[in-house]
Amino acid sequence: MRYGLDDKLWVVVDPTPQSTLGDILFQASLRDLSLQFKGGLSVDENPTLFTDEQEAIAEVHRRLDRMRSRLDKLMDDLLEAR
């Protein structure tokens, strides 16, 4: 399949504890994505492109689960250090 500058794709980026759903899952064209990078999106946020919305949503769930696990471990480590 061929995608042009204005065809929409689903974009997923890594969540932070302060992220909203719209921060980590959004639709963007290649033109929009270029603006996102100019506005501060970085490769460190692991942006991933999807053509299928359901696959993008599944990826969001995986990333949120990983973040929660890391936060739980951090909290456990902090409590043990007391």
PDB file of N, CA and C in Angstrom:
ATOM      1  N   MET A   1       0.839  -1.172   0.000  1.00  0.00           N
ATOM      2  CA  MET A   1       0.000   0.000   0.000  1.00  0.00           C
ATOM      3  C   MET A   1       0.892   1.245   0.000  1.00  0.00           C
ATOM      4  N   ARG A   2       0.445   2.249  -0.655  1.00  0.00           N
ATOM      5  CA  ARG A   2       1.213   3.487  -0.775  1.00  0.00           C
ATOM      6  C   ARG A   2       0.568   4.584   0.081  1.00  0.00           C
ATOM      7  N   TYR A   3       1.409   5.367   0.758  1.00  0.00           N
ATOM      8  CA  TYR A   3       0.927   6.460   1.600  1.00  0.00           C
ATOM      9  C   TYR A   3       1.536   7.769   1.140  1.00  0.00           C
ATOM     10  N   GLY A   4       0.697   8.774   1.003  1.00  0.00           N
ATOM     11  CA  GLY A   4       1.158  10.100   0.626  1.00  0.00           C
ATOM     12  C   GLY A   4       1.324  10.982   1.847  1.00  0.00           C
ATOM     13  N   LEU A   5       1.757  12.201   1.613  1.00  0.00           N
ATOM     14  CA  LEU A   5       2.031  13.136   2.705  1.00  0.00           C
ATOM     15  C   LEU A   5       0.820  13.439   3.572  1.00  0.00           C
ATOM     16  N   ASP A   6      -0.379  13.341   3.009  1.00  0.00           N
ATOM     17  CA  ASP A   6      -1.568  13.716   3.764  1.00  0.00           C
ATOM     18  C   ASP A   6      -2.448  12.536   4.181  1.00  0.00           C
ATOM     19  N   ASP A   7      -1.999  11.307   3.901  1.00  0.00           N
ATOM     20  CA  ASP A   7      -2.738  10.134   4.352  1.00  0.00           C
ATOM     21  C   ASP A   7      -2.512   9.948   5.846  1.00  0.00           C
ATOM     22  N   LYS A   8      -3.576   9.634   6.573  1.00  0.00           N
ATOM     23  CA  LYS A   8      -3.506   9.522   8.030  1.00  0.00           C
ATOM     24  C   LYS A   8      -3.055   8.133   8.473  1.00  0.00           C
ATOM     25  N   LEU A   9      -2.201   8.133   9.468  1.00  0.00           N
ATOM     26  CA  LEU A   9      -1.738   6.919  10.130  1.00  0.00           C
ATOM     27  C   LEU A   9      -1.985   7.095  11.627  1.00  0.00           C
ATOM     28  N   TRP A  10      -1.951   6.000  12.363  1.00  0.00           N
ATOM     29  CA  TRP A  10      -2.048   6.064  13.816  1.00  0.00           C
ATOM     30  C   TRP A  10      -0.640   6.107  14.383  1.00  0.00           C
ATOM     31  N   VAL A  11      -0.423   6.976  15.340  1.00  0.00           N
ATOM     32  CA  VAL A  11       0.891   7.137  15.968  1.00  0.00           C
ATOM     33  C   VAL A  11       0.753   6.811  17.448  1.00  0.00           C
ATOM     34  N   VAL A  12       1.679   5.983  17.944  1.00  0.00           N
ATOM     35  CA  VAL A  12       1.743   5.645  19.367  1.00  0.00           C
ATOM     36  C   VAL A  12       3.125   6.040  19.864  1.00  0.00           C
ATOM     37  N   VAL A  13       3.163   6.731  20.994  1.00  0.00           N
ATOM     38  CA  VAL A  13       4.439   7.084  21.631  1.00  0.00           C
ATOM     39  C   VAL A  13       4.410   6.591  23.071  1.00  0.00           C
ATOM     40  N   ASP A  14       5.591   6.522  23.691  1.00  0.00           N
ATOM     41  CA  ASP A  14       5.686   6.056  25.069  1.00  0.00           C
ATOM     42  C   ASP A  14       4.931   6.987  26.012  1.00  0.00           C
ATOM     43  N   PRO A  15       4.202   6.415  26.969  1.00  0.00           N
ATOM     44  CA  PRO A  15       3.489   7.243  27.938  1.00  0.00           C
ATOM     45  C   PRO A  15       4.415   7.727  29.055  1.00  0.00           C
ATOM     46  N   THR A  16       3.990   8.779  29.700  1.00  0.00           N
ATOM     47  CA  THR A  16       4.602   9.235  30.945  1.00  0.00           C
ATOM     48  C   THR A  16       3.487   9.213  31.987  1.00  0.00           C
ATOM     49  N   PRO A  17       3.826   9.335  33.258  1.00  0.00           N
ATOM     50  CA  PRO A  17       2.762   9.349  34.267  1.00  0.00           C
ATOM     51  C   PRO A  17       1.757  10.493  34.065  1.00  0.00           C
ATOM     52  N   GLN A  18       2.146  11.553  33.380  1.00  0.00           N
ATOM     53  CA  GLN A  18       1.252  12.687  33.160  1.00  0.00           C
ATOM     54  C   GLN A  18       0.525  12.645  31.810  1.00  0.00           C
ATOM     55  N   SER A  19       0.794  11.644  30.991  1.00  0.00           N
ATOM     56  CA  SER A  19       0.212  11.580  29.647  1.00  0.00           C
ATOM     57  C   SER A  19      -1.300  11.407  29.673  1.00  0.00           C
ATOM     58  N   THR A  20      -1.938  12.033  28.699  1.00  0.00           N
ATOM     59  CA  THR A  20      -3.339  11.746  28.417  1.00  0.00           C
ATOM     60  C   THR A  20      -3.366  10.788  27.224  1.00  0.00           C
ATOM     61  N   LEU A  21      -4.509  10.199  26.967  1.00  0.00           N
ATOM     62  CA  LEU A  21      -4.615   9.287  25.828  1.00  0.00           C
ATOM     63  C   LEU A  21      -4.237   9.982  24.531  1.00  0.00           C
ATOM     64  N   GLY A  22      -4.646  11.238  24.373  1.00  0.00           N
ATOM     65  CA  GLY A  22      -4.321  11.993  23.162  1.00  0.00           C
ATOM     66  C   GLY A  22      -2.846  12.292  23.005  1.00  0.00           C
ATOM     67  N   ASP A  23      -2.090  12.209  24.101  1.00  0.00           N
ATOM     68  CA  ASP A  23      -0.638  12.400  24.034  1.00  0.00           C
ATOM     69  C   ASP A  23       0.068  11.180  23.459  1.00  0.00           C
ATOM     70  N   ILE A  24      -0.503   9.997  23.710  1.00  0.00           N
ATOM     71  CA  ILE A  24       0.213   8.771  23.338  1.00  0.00           C
ATOM     72  C   ILE A  24      -0.398   8.035  22.158  1.00  0.00           C
ATOM     73  N   LEU A  25      -1.610   8.419  21.755  1.00  0.00           N
ATOM     74  CA  LEU A  25      -2.266   7.803  20.595  1.00  0.00           C
ATOM     75  C   LEU A  25      -2.973   8.896  19.815  1.00  0.00           C
ATOM     76  N   PHE A  26      -2.552   9.082  18.576  1.00  0.00           N
ATOM     77  CA  PHE A  26      -3.188  10.108  17.754  1.00  0.00           C
ATOM     78  C   PHE A  26      -3.019   9.777  16.281  1.00  0.00           C
ATOM     79  N   GLN A  27      -3.881  10.370  15.466  1.00  0.00           N
ATOM     80  CA  GLN A  27      -3.770  10.220  14.019  1.00  0.00           C
ATOM     81  C   GLN A  27      -2.955  11.372  13.470  1.00  0.00           C
ATOM     82  N   ALA A  28      -2.103  11.057  12.510  1.00  0.00           N
ATOM     83  CA  ALA A  28      -1.285  12.095  11.892  1.00  0.00           C
ATOM     84  C   ALA A  28      -0.871  11.644  10.500  1.00  0.00           C
ATOM     85  N   SER A  29      -0.746  12.601   9.635  1.00  0.00           N
ATOM     86  CA  SER A  29      -0.179  12.342   8.311  1.00  0.00           C
ATOM     87  C   SER A  29       1.340  12.500   8.420  1.00  0.00           C
ATOM     88  N   LEU A  30       2.040  12.168   7.373  1.00  0.00           N
ATOM     89  CA  LEU A  30       3.493  12.385   7.386  1.00  0.00           C
ATOM     90  C   LEU A  30       3.805  13.871   7.525  1.00  0.00           C
ATOM     91  N   ARG A  31       2.979  14.695   6.925  1.00  0.00           N
ATOM     92  CA  ARG A  31       3.147  16.141   7.053  1.00  0.00           C
ATOM     93  C   ARG A  31       2.941  16.571   8.514  1.00  0.00           C
ATOM     94  N   ASP A  32       1.878  16.042   9.154  1.00  0.00           N
ATOM     95  CA  ASP A  32       1.616  16.334  10.572  1.00  0.00           C
ATOM     96  C   ASP A  32       2.761  15.847  11.454  1.00  0.00           C
ATOM     97  N   LEU A  33       3.260  14.664  11.143  1.00  0.00           N
ATOM     98  CA  LEU A  33       4.339  14.080  11.946  1.00  0.00           C
ATOM     99  C   LEU A  33       5.598  14.932  11.875  1.00  0.00           C
ATOM    100  N   SER A  34       5.858  15.492  10.722  1.00  0.00           N
ATOM    101  CA  SER A  34       6.992  16.398  10.581  1.00  0.00           C
ATOM    102  C   SER A  34       6.846  17.577  11.541  1.00  0.00           C
ATOM    103  N   LEU A  35       5.635  18.114  11.638  1.00  0.00           N
ATOM    104  CA  LEU A  35       5.375  19.219  12.557  1.00  0.00           C
ATOM    105  C   LEU A  35       5.499  18.779  14.013  1.00  0.00           C
ATOM    106  N   GLN A  36       5.076  17.548  14.286  1.00  0.00           N
ATOM    107  CA  GLN A  36       5.216  17.022  15.655  1.00  0.00           C
ATOM    108  C   GLN A  36       6.689  16.998  16.075  1.00  0.00           C
ATOM    109  N   PHE A  37       7.553  16.551  15.168  1.00  0.00           N
ATOM    110  CA  PHE A  37       8.986  16.514  15.484  1.00  0.00           C
ATOM    111  C   PHE A  37       9.550  17.919  15.651  1.00  0.00           C
ATOM    112  N   LYS A  38       9.105  18.840  14.827  1.00  0.00           N
ATOM    113  CA  LYS A  38       9.551  20.227  14.974  1.00  0.00           C
ATOM    114  C   LYS A  38       9.062  20.818  16.289  1.00  0.00           C
ATOM    115  N   GLY A  39       7.914  20.341  16.769  1.00  0.00           N
ATOM    116  CA  GLY A  39       7.329  20.840  18.004  1.00  0.00           C
ATOM    117  C   GLY A  39       7.847  20.169  19.263  1.00  0.00           C
ATOM    118  N   GLY A  40       8.712  19.169  19.119  1.00  0.00           N
ATOM    119  CA  GLY A  40       9.294  18.571  20.316  1.00  0.00           C
ATOM    120  C   GLY A  40       9.221  17.065  20.414  1.00  0.00           C
ATOM    121  N   LEU A  41       8.436  16.402  19.571  1.00  0.00           N
ATOM    122  CA  LEU A  41       8.428  14.942  19.585  1.00  0.00           C
ATOM    123  C   LEU A  41       9.830  14.455  19.266  1.00  0.00           C
ATOM    124  N   SER A  42      10.288  13.449  20.015  1.00  0.00           N
ATOM    125  CA  SER A  42      11.637  12.949  19.754  1.00  0.00           C
ATOM    126  C   SER A  42      11.616  11.441  19.544  1.00  0.00           C
ATOM    127  N   VAL A  43      12.670  10.950  18.940  1.00  0.00           N
ATOM    128  CA  VAL A  43      12.821   9.516  18.698  1.00  0.00           C
ATOM    129  C   VAL A  43      12.892   8.768  20.032  1.00  0.00           C
ATOM    130  N   ASP A  44      13.329   9.456  21.089  1.00  0.00           N
ATOM    131  CA  ASP A  44      13.397   8.844  22.421  1.00  0.00           C
ATOM    132  C   ASP A  44      12.023   8.429  22.941  1.00  0.00           C
ATOM    133  N   GLU A  45      10.964   8.993  22.371  1.00  0.00           N
ATOM    134  CA  GLU A  45       9.603   8.633  22.771  1.00  0.00           C
ATOM    135  C   GLU A  45       9.086   7.412  22.010  1.00  0.00           C
ATOM    136  N   ASN A  46       9.955   6.828  21.183  1.00  0.00           N
ATOM    137  CA  ASN A  46       9.634   5.615  20.424  1.00  0.00           C
ATOM    138  C   ASN A  46       8.339   5.726  19.622  1.00  0.00           C
ATOM    139  N   PRO A  47       8.221   6.748  18.775  1.00  0.00           N
ATOM    140  CA  PRO A  47       7.011   6.847  17.958  1.00  0.00           C
ATOM    141  C   PRO A  47       6.917   5.667  16.995  1.00  0.00           C
ATOM    142  N   THR A  48       5.735   5.078  16.944  1.00  0.00           N
ATOM    143  CA  THR A  48       5.496   3.922  16.087  1.00  0.00           C
ATOM    144  C   THR A  48       4.252   4.193  15.269  1.00  0.00           C
ATOM    145  N   LEU A  49       4.307   3.900  13.984  1.00  0.00           N
ATOM    146  CA  LEU A  49       3.202   4.164  13.066  1.00  0.00           C
ATOM    147  C   LEU A  49       2.404   2.893  12.803  1.00  0.00           C
ATOM    148  N   PHE A  50       1.090   3.050  12.762  1.00  0.00           N
ATOM    149  CA  PHE A  50       0.178   1.936  12.495  1.00  0.00           C
ATOM    150  C   PHE A  50      -0.835   2.360  11.447  1.00  0.00           C
ATOM    151  N   THR A  51      -1.218   1.413  10.615  1.00  0.00           N
ATOM    152  CA  THR A  51      -2.296   1.663   9.659  1.00  0.00           C
ATOM    153  C   THR A  51      -3.628   1.225  10.249  1.00  0.00           C
ATOM    154  N   ASP A  52      -3.587   0.330  11.232  1.00  0.00           N
ATOM    155  CA  ASP A  52      -4.795  -0.229  11.826  1.00  0.00           C
ATOM    156  C   ASP A  52      -5.007   0.340  13.235  1.00  0.00           C
ATOM    157  N   GLU A  53      -6.154   0.939  13.462  1.00  0.00           N
ATOM    158  CA  GLU A  53      -6.445   1.568  14.760  1.00  0.00           C
ATOM    159  C   GLU A  53      -6.405   0.553  15.899  1.00  0.00           C
ATOM    160  N   GLN A  54      -6.949  -0.632  15.689  1.00  0.00           N
ATOM    161  CA  GLN A  54      -6.989  -1.632  16.762  1.00  0.00           C
ATOM    162  C   GLN A  54      -5.582  -2.094  17.152  1.00  0.00           C
ATOM    163  N   GLU A  55      -4.695  -2.221  16.179  1.00  0.00           N
ATOM    164  CA  GLU A  55      -3.307  -2.571  16.489  1.00  0.00           C
ATOM    165  C   GLU A  55      -2.642  -1.458  17.294  1.00  0.00           C
ATOM    166  N   ALA A  56      -2.939  -0.216  16.948  1.00  0.00           N
ATOM    167  CA  ALA A  56      -2.381   0.919  17.686  1.00  0.00           C
ATOM    168  C   ALA A  56      -2.892   0.920  19.123  1.00  0.00           C
ATOM    169  N   ILE A  57      -4.168   0.652  19.314  1.00  0.00           N
ATOM    170  CA  ILE A  57      -4.746   0.614  20.657  1.00  0.00           C
ATOM    171  C   ILE A  57      -4.122  -0.515  21.472  1.00  0.00           C
ATOM    172  N   ALA A  58      -3.911  -1.670  20.849  1.00  0.00           N
ATOM    173  CA  ALA A  58      -3.266  -2.787  21.557  1.00  0.00           C
ATOM    174  C   ALA A  58      -1.854  -2.395  21.989  1.00  0.00           C
ATOM    175  N   GLU A  59      -1.146  -1.663  21.150  1.00  0.00           N
ATOM    176  CA  GLU A  59       0.207  -1.206  21.496  1.00  0.00           C
ATOM    177  C   GLU A  59       0.162  -0.218  22.663  1.00  0.00           C
ATOM    178  N   VAL A  60      -0.833   0.646  22.683  1.00  0.00           N
ATOM    179  CA  VAL A  60      -0.995   1.578  23.807  1.00  0.00           C
ATOM    180  C   VAL A  60      -1.151   0.792  25.105  1.00  0.00           C
ATOM    181  N   HIS A  61      -1.989  -0.240  25.084  1.00  0.00           N
ATOM    182  CA  HIS A  61      -2.182  -1.059  26.288  1.00  0.00           C
ATOM    183  C   HIS A  61      -0.876  -1.703  26.739  1.00  0.00           C
ATOM    184  N   ARG A  62      -0.101  -2.219  25.794  1.00  0.00           N
ATOM    185  CA  ARG A  62       1.191  -2.842  26.153  1.00  0.00           C
ATOM    186  C   ARG A  62       2.119  -1.814  26.796  1.00  0.00           C
ATOM    187  N   ARG A  63       2.189  -0.636  26.209  1.00  0.00           N
ATOM    188  CA  ARG A  63       3.086   0.394  26.747  1.00  0.00           C
ATOM    189  C   ARG A  63       2.625   0.889  28.112  1.00  0.00           C
ATOM    190  N   LEU A  64       1.319   1.017  28.296  1.00  0.00           N
ATOM    191  CA  LEU A  64       0.813   1.427  29.604  1.00  0.00           C
ATOM    192  C   LEU A  64       1.100   0.364  30.662  1.00  0.00           C
ATOM    193  N   ASP A  65       0.925  -0.897  30.300  1.00  0.00           N
ATOM    194  CA  ASP A  65       1.233  -1.989  31.233  1.00  0.00           C
ATOM    195  C   ASP A  65       2.703  -1.975  31.636  1.00  0.00           C
ATOM    196  N   ARG A  66       3.595  -1.756  30.656  1.00  0.00           N
ATOM    197  CA  ARG A  66       5.035  -1.692  30.967  1.00  0.00           C
ATOM    198  C   ARG A  66       5.340  -0.520  31.887  1.00  0.00           C
ATOM    199  N   MET A  67       4.721   0.626  31.623  1.00  0.00           N
ATOM    200  CA  MET A  67       4.964   1.789  32.465  1.00  0.00           C
ATOM    201  C   MET A  67       4.468   1.531  33.882  1.00  0.00           C
ATOM    202  N   ARG A  68       3.292   0.938  34.017  1.00  0.00           N
ATOM    203  CA  ARG A  68       2.751   0.638  35.350  1.00  0.00           C
ATOM    204  C   ARG A  68       3.669  -0.324  36.096  1.00  0.00           C
ATOM    205  N   SER A  69       4.178  -1.319  35.392  1.00  0.00           N
ATOM    206  CA  SER A  69       5.102  -2.276  36.027  1.00  0.00           C
ATOM    207  C   SER A  69       6.356  -1.574  36.524  1.00  0.00           C
ATOM    208  N   ARG A  70       6.903  -0.674  35.709  1.00  0.00           N
ATOM    209  CA  ARG A  70       8.103   0.069  36.131  1.00  0.00           C
ATOM    210  C   ARG A  70       7.802   0.951  37.337  1.00  0.00           C
ATOM    211  N   LEU A  71       6.641   1.602  37.336  1.00  0.00           N
ATOM    212  CA  LEU A  71       6.268   2.449  38.469  1.00  0.00           C
ATOM    213  C   LEU A  71       6.031   1.624  39.731  1.00  0.00           C
ATOM    214  N   ASP A  72       5.402   0.457  39.584  1.00  0.00           N
ATOM    215  CA  ASP A  72       5.190  -0.430  40.734  1.00  0.00           C
ATOM    216  C   ASP A  72       6.517  -0.883  41.322  1.00  0.00           C
ATOM    217  N   LYS A  73       7.459  -1.248  40.452  1.00  0.00           N
ATOM    218  CA  LYS A  73       8.773  -1.682  40.927  1.00  0.00           C
ATOM    219  C   LYS A  73       9.495  -0.536  41.623  1.00  0.00           C
ATOM    220  N   LEU A  74       9.428   0.648  41.061  1.00  0.00           N
ATOM    221  CA  LEU A  74      10.054   1.810  41.678  1.00  0.00           C
ATOM    222  C   LEU A  74       9.459   2.069  43.057  1.00  0.00           C
ATOM    223  N   MET A  75       8.144   1.975  43.175  1.00  0.00           N
ATOM    224  CA  MET A  75       7.488   2.191  44.458  1.00  0.00           C
ATOM    225  C   MET A  75       7.906   1.118  45.468  1.00  0.00           C
ATOM    226  N   ASP A  76       7.973  -0.135  45.020  1.00  0.00           N
ATOM    227  CA  ASP A  76       8.422  -1.212  45.908  1.00  0.00           C
ATOM    228  C   ASP A  76       9.857  -0.962  46.374  1.00  0.00           C
ATOM    229  N   ASP A  77      10.725  -0.559  45.472  1.00  0.00           N
ATOM    230  CA  ASP A  77      12.122  -0.278  45.821  1.00  0.00           C
ATOM    231  C   ASP A  77      12.212   0.867  46.820  1.00  0.00           C
ATOM    232  N   LEU A  78      11.405   1.893  46.637  1.00  0.00           N
ATOM    233  CA  LEU A  78      11.408   3.023  47.562  1.00  0.00           C
ATOM    234  C   LEU A  78      10.933   2.622  48.953  1.00  0.00           C
ATOM    235  N   LEU A  79       9.901   1.787  48.976  1.00  0.00           N
ATOM    236  CA  LEU A  79       9.374   1.335  50.265  1.00  0.00           C
ATOM    237  C   LEU A  79      10.364   0.428  50.991  1.00  0.00           C
ATOM    238  N   GLU A  80      11.085  -0.398  50.241  1.00  0.00           N
ATOM    239  CA  GLU A  80      12.103  -1.268  50.852  1.00  0.00           C
ATOM    240  C   GLU A  80      13.273  -0.476  51.395  1.00  0.00           C
ATOM    241  N   ALA A  81      13.565   0.651  50.785  1.00  0.00           N
ATOM    242  CA  ALA A  81      14.706   1.469  51.200  1.00  0.00           C
ATOM    243  C   ALA A  81      14.429   2.204  52.512  1.00  0.00           C
ATOM    244  N   ARG A  82      13.182   2.265  52.935  1.00  0.00           N
ATOM    245  CA  ARG A  82      12.822   2.979  54.160  1.00  0.00           C
ATOM    246  C   ARG A  82      13.216   2.241  55.358  1.00  0.00           C
TER     247      ARG A  82
END
